Amino acid sequence: MRYLPTLDVWEPAISAAIDSGALRLQRGQWVKCGDSPYRSRIHEIKRRGGHVVHIRAFHGPDASRKFLEYCKAD
């Protein structure tokens, strides 16, 4: 599976697609939150009752380093 371009998870259509399961993000996908200058990397998305209840992601300028370190320990 290929990664998508960086997605804005605060965009209502993107958020709704993730919540409904129409858009499934894989581990390592780059996302951003609105106008933030930083991107984040998704580690996992937990669903319950058809809705997203938890997203673990690594944020900030060193998101990739933190993500890779966490994956090594995972």
Protein backbone atom coordinates (compact mmCIF):
# COMPACT_ATOMS: atom_id res chain seq x y z
CA MET A 1 0.00 0.00 0.00
CA ARG A 2 1.31 3.43 -0.88
CA TYR A 3 1.29 6.45 1.38
CA LEU A 4 -1.01 9.35 0.54
CA PRO A 5 0.23 12.93 0.36
CA THR A 6 0.15 14.66 3.76
CA LEU A 7 -3.48 14.87 4.92
CA ASP A 8 -5.01 17.63 7.05
CA VAL A 9 -6.94 15.68 9.68
CA TRP A 10 -8.76 18.86 10.75
CA GLU A 11 -10.31 19.13 7.27
CA PRO A 12 -13.95 18.11 7.83
CA ALA A 13 -14.13 15.78 4.81
CA ILE A 14 -10.87 14.02 5.75
CA SER A 15 -11.91 13.74 9.40
CA ALA A 16 -15.30 12.29 8.43
CA ALA A 17 -13.70 9.79 6.04
CA ILE A 18 -11.31 8.59 8.76
CA ASP A 19 -14.10 8.38 11.33
CA SER A 20 -16.39 6.40 9.00
CA GLY A 21 -13.61 4.04 7.91
CA ALA A 22 -13.82 5.13 4.27
CA LEU A 23 -10.22 6.35 4.59
CA ARG A 24 -7.85 4.02 6.40
CA LEU A 25 -4.46 5.43 7.27
CA GLN A 26 -1.50 3.14 7.51
CA ARG A 27 1.26 3.30 10.08
CA GLY A 28 3.75 5.99 9.13
CA GLN A 29 1.31 8.15 7.14
CA TRP A 30 2.13 11.86 7.37
CA VAL A 31 -0.72 14.10 8.56
CA LYS A 32 -1.05 17.69 9.70
CA CYS A 33 -3.45 19.53 11.99
CA GLY A 34 -4.83 22.67 10.37
CA ASP A 35 -2.31 25.48 9.86
CA SER A 36 0.42 23.91 11.99
CA PRO A 37 3.82 24.16 10.30
CA TYR A 38 4.64 20.65 11.55
CA ARG A 39 3.60 17.30 10.18
CA SER A 40 2.87 14.26 12.33
CA ARG A 41 3.30 10.55 11.71
CA ILE A 42 0.46 8.16 12.52
CA HIS A 43 1.34 5.12 14.60
CA GLU A 44 -2.12 3.67 15.25
CA ILE A 45 -5.81 4.46 15.12
CA LYS A 46 -8.18 2.73 17.53
CA ARG A 47 -11.87 2.39 16.66
CA ARG A 48 -14.83 1.49 18.81
CA GLY A 49 -18.45 1.36 17.76
CA GLY A 50 -17.65 2.53 14.25
CA HIS A 51 -15.84 5.68 15.40
CA VAL A 52 -12.25 6.70 16.00
CA VAL A 53 -11.63 6.87 19.74
CA HIS A 54 -7.85 7.23 19.83
CA ILE A 55 -5.07 8.22 17.45
CA ARG A 56 -1.43 7.79 18.44
CA ALA A 57 0.84 10.01 16.41
CA PHE A 58 4.22 11.67 16.78
CA HIS A 59 4.33 15.44 16.35
CA GLY A 60 6.76 18.28 15.89
CA PRO A 61 9.98 18.84 14.00
CA ASP A 62 11.43 15.49 15.13
CA ALA A 63 8.26 13.42 14.52
CA SER A 64 10.00 11.01 12.18
CA ARG A 65 12.81 10.25 14.65
CA LYS A 66 10.34 9.69 17.52
CA PHE A 67 8.13 7.52 15.31
CA LEU A 68 11.03 5.31 14.19
CA GLU A 69 12.35 4.92 17.75
CA TYR A 70 8.89 3.93 18.99
CA CYS A 71 8.48 1.39 16.16
CA LYS A 72 11.82 -0.23 17.05
CA ALA A 73 10.65 -0.68 20.65
CA ASP A 74 7.14 -1.76 19.61
